[in-house]
Protein backbone atom coordinates (compact mmCIF):
# COMPACT_ATOMS: atom_id res chain seq x y z
CA MET A 1 -7.51 13.36 19.49
CA SER A 2 -7.44 12.87 15.74
CA GLN A 3 -5.58 15.21 13.40
CA LEU A 4 -7.00 15.04 9.89
CA ILE A 5 -5.55 17.14 7.06
CA GLU A 6 -7.98 17.60 4.18
CA ARG A 7 -6.59 20.54 2.21
CA PRO A 8 -3.59 22.88 2.20
CA GLY A 9 -3.57 25.67 4.75
CA PRO A 10 -1.49 27.47 7.37
CA GLU A 11 -2.30 24.78 9.95
CA VAL A 12 -0.74 22.01 7.84
CA PRO A 13 2.67 21.07 9.28
CA LEU A 14 5.82 21.22 7.20
CA LEU A 15 7.49 17.87 6.58
CA ALA A 16 10.67 19.12 8.23
CA ASP A 17 8.73 19.87 11.42
CA LEU A 18 7.29 16.37 11.78
CA PRO A 19 9.09 13.77 13.94
CA THR A 20 11.31 11.33 12.09
CA VAL A 21 10.57 7.61 12.03
CA PRO A 22 12.70 4.74 10.68
CA LEU A 23 11.87 2.99 7.44
CA PRO A 24 10.33 -0.50 7.79
CA ASP A 25 13.01 -3.19 7.84
CA ARG A 26 11.24 -6.38 6.68
CA VAL A 27 9.10 -7.45 3.74
CA LEU A 28 6.34 -10.06 4.11
CA VAL A 29 5.02 -11.93 1.08
CA VAL A 30 2.44 -14.71 0.79
CA GLU A 31 3.10 -17.52 -1.67
CA PRO A 32 0.40 -17.72 -4.35
CA ARG A 33 -0.42 -21.44 -4.28
CA PHE A 34 -4.15 -20.70 -3.99
CA TYR A 35 -4.23 -17.42 -5.88
CA ASP A 36 -6.91 -17.05 -8.56
CA VAL A 37 -9.65 -14.67 -9.68
CA GLU A 38 -12.73 -16.31 -8.19
CA TYR A 39 -15.03 -13.28 -7.88
CA VAL A 40 -15.27 -9.65 -8.97
CA ILE A 41 -14.75 -6.92 -6.35
CA ASN A 42 -12.99 -4.28 -8.46
CA PRO A 43 -13.19 -3.24 -12.13
CA HIS A 44 -9.91 -4.93 -13.04
CA MET A 45 -11.31 -8.37 -12.17
CA GLU A 46 -14.22 -8.11 -14.59
CA GLY A 47 -13.96 -10.81 -17.26
CA ASN A 48 -11.00 -12.51 -15.55
CA VAL A 49 -12.66 -15.13 -13.35
CA GLY A 50 -10.79 -18.40 -13.79
CA GLN A 51 -8.22 -16.85 -16.15
CA VAL A 52 -5.11 -17.01 -13.93
CA ASN A 53 -2.25 -19.21 -15.09
CA ARG A 54 -1.16 -20.45 -11.68
CA PHE A 55 2.18 -21.80 -12.90
CA GLU A 56 3.05 -18.42 -14.41
CA ALA A 57 1.80 -16.62 -11.29
CA ARG A 58 4.16 -18.63 -9.09
CA HIS A 59 7.01 -17.92 -11.51
CA GLN A 60 6.34 -14.18 -11.40
CA TRP A 61 6.00 -14.20 -7.60
CA ARG A 62 9.38 -15.93 -7.22
CA HIS A 63 11.00 -13.24 -9.36
CA LEU A 64 9.51 -10.58 -7.08
CA VAL A 65 10.94 -12.29 -3.99
CA GLU A 66 14.33 -12.61 -5.68
CA ALA A 67 14.26 -8.92 -6.61
CA TYR A 68 13.67 -7.86 -3.00
CA ARG A 69 16.43 -10.12 -1.73
CA GLY A 70 18.72 -8.94 -4.52
CA ILE A 71 18.63 -5.37 -3.17
CA GLY A 72 19.29 -6.49 0.40
CA GLN A 73 15.75 -6.69 1.80
CA THR A 74 14.89 -9.28 4.44
CA VAL A 75 11.91 -11.24 3.10
CA ASP A 76 9.56 -13.41 5.16
CA VAL A 77 7.32 -15.89 3.35
CA LEU A 78 3.90 -16.95 4.63
CA GLU A 79 2.11 -19.95 3.13
CA GLY A 80 -1.05 -19.36 1.16
CA GLN A 81 -4.32 -20.70 2.49
CA PRO A 82 -7.14 -22.63 0.78
CA LEU A 83 -10.26 -20.58 -0.02
CA LEU A 84 -8.33 -17.31 0.34
CA PRO A 85 -7.23 -16.49 -3.21
CA ASP A 86 -6.49 -12.83 -2.39
CA LEU A 87 -4.27 -13.46 0.63
CA VAL A 88 -1.32 -13.04 -1.75
CA PHE A 89 -2.17 -9.32 -1.72
CA CYS A 90 -0.88 -9.00 1.83
CA ALA A 91 -0.71 -5.19 1.84
CA ASN A 92 -4.40 -5.08 2.71
CA GLN A 93 -4.96 -6.91 6.00
CA SER A 94 -3.03 -4.65 8.37
CA LEU A 95 -1.46 -1.25 8.85
CA PRO A 96 2.02 -1.65 10.41
CA VAL A 97 2.92 1.24 12.72
CA PRO A 98 6.43 2.57 13.43
CA PRO A 99 7.95 1.89 16.86
CA GLY A 100 6.96 4.31 19.59
CA LEU A 101 3.54 5.30 18.26
CA LEU A 102 1.18 2.53 19.37
CA THR A 103 3.61 1.11 21.90
CA GLU A 104 7.33 1.20 22.66
CA GLY A 105 8.08 -1.34 19.95
CA SER A 106 6.52 -1.88 16.54
CA GLY A 107 2.78 -2.20 16.14
CA ALA A 108 0.04 -3.03 13.67
CA ILE A 109 -3.59 -2.01 13.38
CA MET A 110 -5.59 -4.82 11.86
CA SER A 111 -7.92 -4.16 8.96
CA ILE A 112 -11.67 -4.38 8.67
CA MET A 113 -12.10 -5.68 5.15
CA ARG A 114 -14.82 -4.17 3.01
CA ARG A 115 -15.88 -7.58 1.68
CA ALA A 116 -16.78 -10.42 4.03
CA ARG A 117 -15.15 -12.83 1.57
CA ARG A 118 -11.75 -11.39 2.49
CA GLU A 119 -12.20 -10.94 6.23
CA PRO A 120 -10.65 -14.35 7.16
CA GLU A 121 -7.36 -13.17 5.63
CA VAL A 122 -6.82 -10.79 8.54
CA ALA A 123 -6.32 -13.52 11.12
CA HIS A 124 -3.46 -15.09 9.15
CA ILE A 125 -1.52 -11.83 8.89
CA GLN A 126 -2.29 -11.02 12.53
CA GLY A 127 -0.96 -14.41 13.63
CA PHE A 128 2.27 -13.91 11.71
CA LEU A 129 2.88 -10.45 13.20
CA ALA A 130 1.88 -11.38 16.74
CA GLU A 131 4.21 -14.39 16.76
CA ARG A 132 7.06 -12.00 16.01
CA GLY A 133 6.32 -9.66 18.88
CA VAL A 134 4.42 -6.95 17.03
CA HIS A 135 1.86 -5.19 19.22
CA ILE A 136 -1.60 -5.79 17.72
CA ALA A 137 -4.42 -3.24 17.89
CA HIS A 138 -7.94 -3.32 16.51
CA LEU A 139 -10.46 -0.79 15.32
CA ASP A 140 -14.02 -0.85 16.65
CA PRO A 141 -16.18 -2.39 13.90
CA TRP A 142 -19.23 -0.63 15.35
CA SER A 143 -17.74 2.79 14.57
CA VAL A 144 -15.41 2.00 11.64
CA PRO A 145 -17.12 0.42 8.61
CA SER A 146 -13.92 -0.57 6.80
CA MET A 147 -10.16 0.02 6.57
CA GLU A 148 -7.88 -1.99 4.30
CA GLY A 149 -4.42 -1.53 5.76
CA THR A 150 -1.58 -0.31 3.57
CA GLY A 151 -3.83 -0.66 0.56
CA ASP A 152 -5.22 2.71 1.64
CA GLY A 153 -2.74 3.84 4.31
CA ALA A 154 0.70 5.03 3.19
CA TRP A 155 3.34 6.18 5.68
CA HIS A 156 5.34 9.15 4.45
CA PRO A 157 8.92 7.82 4.25
CA GLY A 158 10.91 8.85 7.29
CA ARG A 159 8.22 11.07 8.84
CA ALA A 160 5.38 10.63 11.31
CA LEU A 161 2.72 11.37 8.72
CA LEU A 162 0.16 8.97 7.30
CA TRP A 163 -1.68 9.37 4.01
CA GLY A 164 -5.17 7.87 4.13
CA GLY A 165 -7.27 6.98 1.10
CA VAL A 166 -11.03 7.50 1.42
CA GLY A 167 -12.96 5.55 -1.16
CA PRO A 168 -14.49 2.16 -1.91
CA ARG A 169 -12.43 0.22 0.65
CA SER A 170 -11.58 2.57 3.53
CA ARG A 171 -13.71 5.17 5.25
CA ARG A 172 -12.95 8.54 6.81
CA GLU A 173 -13.92 7.21 10.25
CA ALA A 174 -11.03 4.74 10.05
CA TRP A 175 -8.42 7.47 9.66
CA GLU A 176 -9.96 9.53 12.45
CA ARG A 177 -9.47 6.56 14.75
CA VAL A 178 -5.99 5.69 13.49
CA SER A 179 -4.87 9.27 14.04
CA ALA A 180 -6.28 9.25 17.58
CA MET A 181 -4.57 5.93 18.37
CA THR A 182 -1.15 6.95 17.07
CA GLY A 183 -1.08 10.71 17.63
CA VAL A 184 -0.01 11.10 14.00
CA PRO A 185 -1.68 13.47 11.52
CA VAL A 186 -3.43 11.79 8.60
CA ALA A 187 -3.59 13.52 5.22
CA LEU A 188 -6.85 12.47 3.57
CA LEU A 189 -7.04 11.76 -0.15
CA ARG A 190 -10.44 11.03 -1.68
CA LEU A 191 -10.48 8.51 -4.52
CA VAL A 192 -12.90 9.52 -7.25
CA ASP A 193 -12.27 6.94 -10.01
CA ARG A 194 -13.56 3.42 -9.31
CA ARG A 195 -10.67 1.88 -11.25
CA PHE A 196 -8.35 3.16 -8.53
CA TYR A 197 -10.07 1.48 -5.64
CA HIS A 198 -7.10 1.61 -3.24
CA LEU A 199 -4.66 4.44 -2.61
CA ASP A 200 -1.79 2.15 -3.59
CA THR A 201 -3.12 1.93 -7.15
CA CYS A 202 -2.58 5.65 -7.73
CA LEU A 203 0.12 6.79 -5.26
CA SER A 204 3.46 5.33 -4.21
CA PHE A 205 6.18 7.12 -2.25
CA VAL A 206 9.77 6.68 -3.37
CA ASP A 207 11.47 8.72 -0.65
CA GLU A 208 10.65 11.66 1.62
CA GLN A 209 10.73 14.08 -1.30
CA THR A 210 9.31 11.98 -4.13
CA ALA A 211 6.11 10.12 -5.03
CA VAL A 212 4.65 8.52 -8.15
CA VAL A 213 1.04 9.63 -8.63
CA PHE A 214 -1.88 9.51 -11.04
CA PRO A 215 -3.60 12.88 -10.43
CA GLY A 216 -6.84 11.82 -12.11
CA ALA A 217 -7.63 9.43 -9.26
CA PHE A 218 -8.10 12.31 -6.78
CA ASP A 219 -10.38 15.29 -6.30
CA ASP A 220 -9.08 18.86 -6.45
CA ALA A 221 -8.42 19.04 -2.71
CA GLY A 222 -6.35 15.86 -2.83
CA ARG A 223 -4.25 17.05 -5.75
CA GLU A 224 -3.62 20.36 -3.98
CA LEU A 225 -2.67 18.59 -0.75
CA LEU A 226 -0.18 16.33 -2.53
CA ALA A 227 1.36 19.29 -4.34
CA SER A 228 1.74 21.21 -1.09
CA LEU A 229 3.38 18.43 0.92
CA VAL A 230 5.38 16.38 -1.59
CA PRO A 231 8.23 18.34 -3.22
CA ARG A 232 8.59 16.03 -6.27
CA LEU A 233 5.57 14.41 -7.87
CA VAL A 234 6.24 12.06 -10.76
CA GLU A 235 2.89 12.23 -12.55
CA VAL A 236 1.86 9.27 -14.69
CA ASN A 237 -0.68 9.30 -17.50
CA GLU A 238 -3.81 7.14 -17.59
CA VAL A 239 -2.22 4.39 -19.69
CA GLU A 240 0.67 3.93 -17.28
CA ALA A 241 -1.63 4.25 -14.28
CA MET A 242 -3.72 1.37 -15.63
CA ASN A 243 -0.45 -0.57 -16.00
CA MET A 244 -0.03 -0.11 -12.23
CA ALA A 245 2.94 2.25 -12.48
CA CYS A 246 1.80 3.75 -9.17
CA ASN A 247 1.68 0.30 -7.57
CA GLY A 248 5.44 0.05 -7.53
CA HIS A 249 7.37 -0.05 -4.27
CA SER A 250 10.54 1.57 -3.04
CA PRO A 251 11.65 -0.14 0.19
CA ASP A 252 14.75 2.01 0.63
CA GLY A 253 14.45 5.23 -1.36
CA ARG A 254 16.99 4.00 -3.91
CA HIS A 255 15.18 1.24 -5.80
CA PHE A 256 11.70 1.11 -7.30
CA LEU A 257 10.21 -2.31 -8.06
CA VAL A 258 7.37 -2.00 -10.55
CA GLN A 259 5.36 -3.76 -13.24
CA LYS A 260 7.19 -3.46 -16.54
CA GLY A 261 5.87 -1.34 -19.38
CA SER A 262 5.68 2.26 -18.12
CA PRO A 263 8.63 3.89 -19.93
CA ARG A 264 7.66 7.52 -19.33
CA CYS A 265 7.34 7.12 -15.56
CA ASN A 266 10.42 4.94 -15.27
CA ALA A 267 12.55 7.38 -17.28
CA GLN A 268 11.61 10.20 -14.90
CA LEU A 269 12.59 8.09 -11.90
CA ARG A 270 15.91 7.14 -13.45
CA GLU A 271 16.63 10.81 -14.08
CA LEU A 272 16.25 11.29 -10.31
CA GLY A 273 18.85 8.59 -9.67
CA ILE A 274 16.38 5.85 -8.74
CA GLU A 275 17.18 2.33 -9.90
CA VAL A 276 14.00 1.03 -11.51
CA ILE A 277 13.55 -2.75 -11.41
CA GLU A 278 10.88 -3.80 -13.89
CA LEU A 279 9.03 -7.04 -13.18
CA GLU A 280 6.30 -9.01 -14.95
CA THR A 281 3.19 -9.30 -12.77
CA ASP A 282 0.50 -9.63 -15.44
CA GLN A 283 -1.14 -12.61 -13.72
CA PHE A 284 -1.74 -10.42 -10.68
CA LEU A 285 -2.95 -7.50 -12.78
CA LEU A 286 -5.94 -9.75 -13.55
CA SER A 287 -7.00 -9.06 -9.94
CA GLY A 288 -6.08 -5.38 -10.03
CA GLY A 289 -2.85 -5.73 -8.07
CA SER A 290 0.88 -5.65 -8.63
CA VAL A 291 4.12 -5.21 -6.68
CA TYR A 292 2.89 -2.95 -3.87
CA CYS A 293 -0.20 -5.06 -3.25
CA MET A 294 1.88 -8.25 -3.02
CA LYS A 295 3.97 -7.29 -0.01
CA LEU A 296 3.68 -5.95 3.52
CA HIS A 297 6.55 -3.66 4.55
CA TRP A 298 6.71 -3.81 8.35
CA TRP A 299 8.81 -2.90 11.36
CA SER A 300 10.26 -5.86 13.28
């Protein structure tokens, strides 16, 4: 039975009452050999077809990998594939699931991509995870129109709670099914600004108590739900949101890897004791993605 949370209320569980889950322990990245902007499927891509400097993109990607390894993260690298320029954004093709929810060990629910052009990406991520013993599950494409993995599904750090974005890429039906499959409540957030086409463009959790958020991407119910469940919200303005400040990633609750150039947001995080690691990802911003989009944080 699915458990969807759509607005604050007495029936909404307290974070402290939810079961604990471990943080993911591995980071997957896909090398950008074939990365480019070849089509337009979000507003950020408009005017950028053929504009990627592939040499610079590889340089920036290597710095991202080095940053993860520099803070002690285990990083797996998957080769890029011809004709799949967006495979580098490997947050989108699956939703890793903590151990004990889908099966005794770790699991993953594979995505149903909104655009047919990206659907072949799913098999490559599935193959990587399956070869490493991750239990693979699928949604029924006859009842779920689309679901784009951790692009729209964010696990609350340390708790059995999933945040699900409802918007251009993932539908409400997907989160109903994911909740039923895992037994985990899903807090729904509706995306109302087409520039923020995935949840990970406007919300990123730092730790159990803290998240970086652009409030303007959500409707009133979503803003109220975030305020009721997340004790500390670091709110970014529109300029920093468009610089993908909310597309940063904290793999451990102590570090935040993010596109450089959002001083207001980063100062607030540093005041909370978070080490902010600023990176240049402007070649990937041409596609509307940055740090969070370029990795898959998964349970081995």
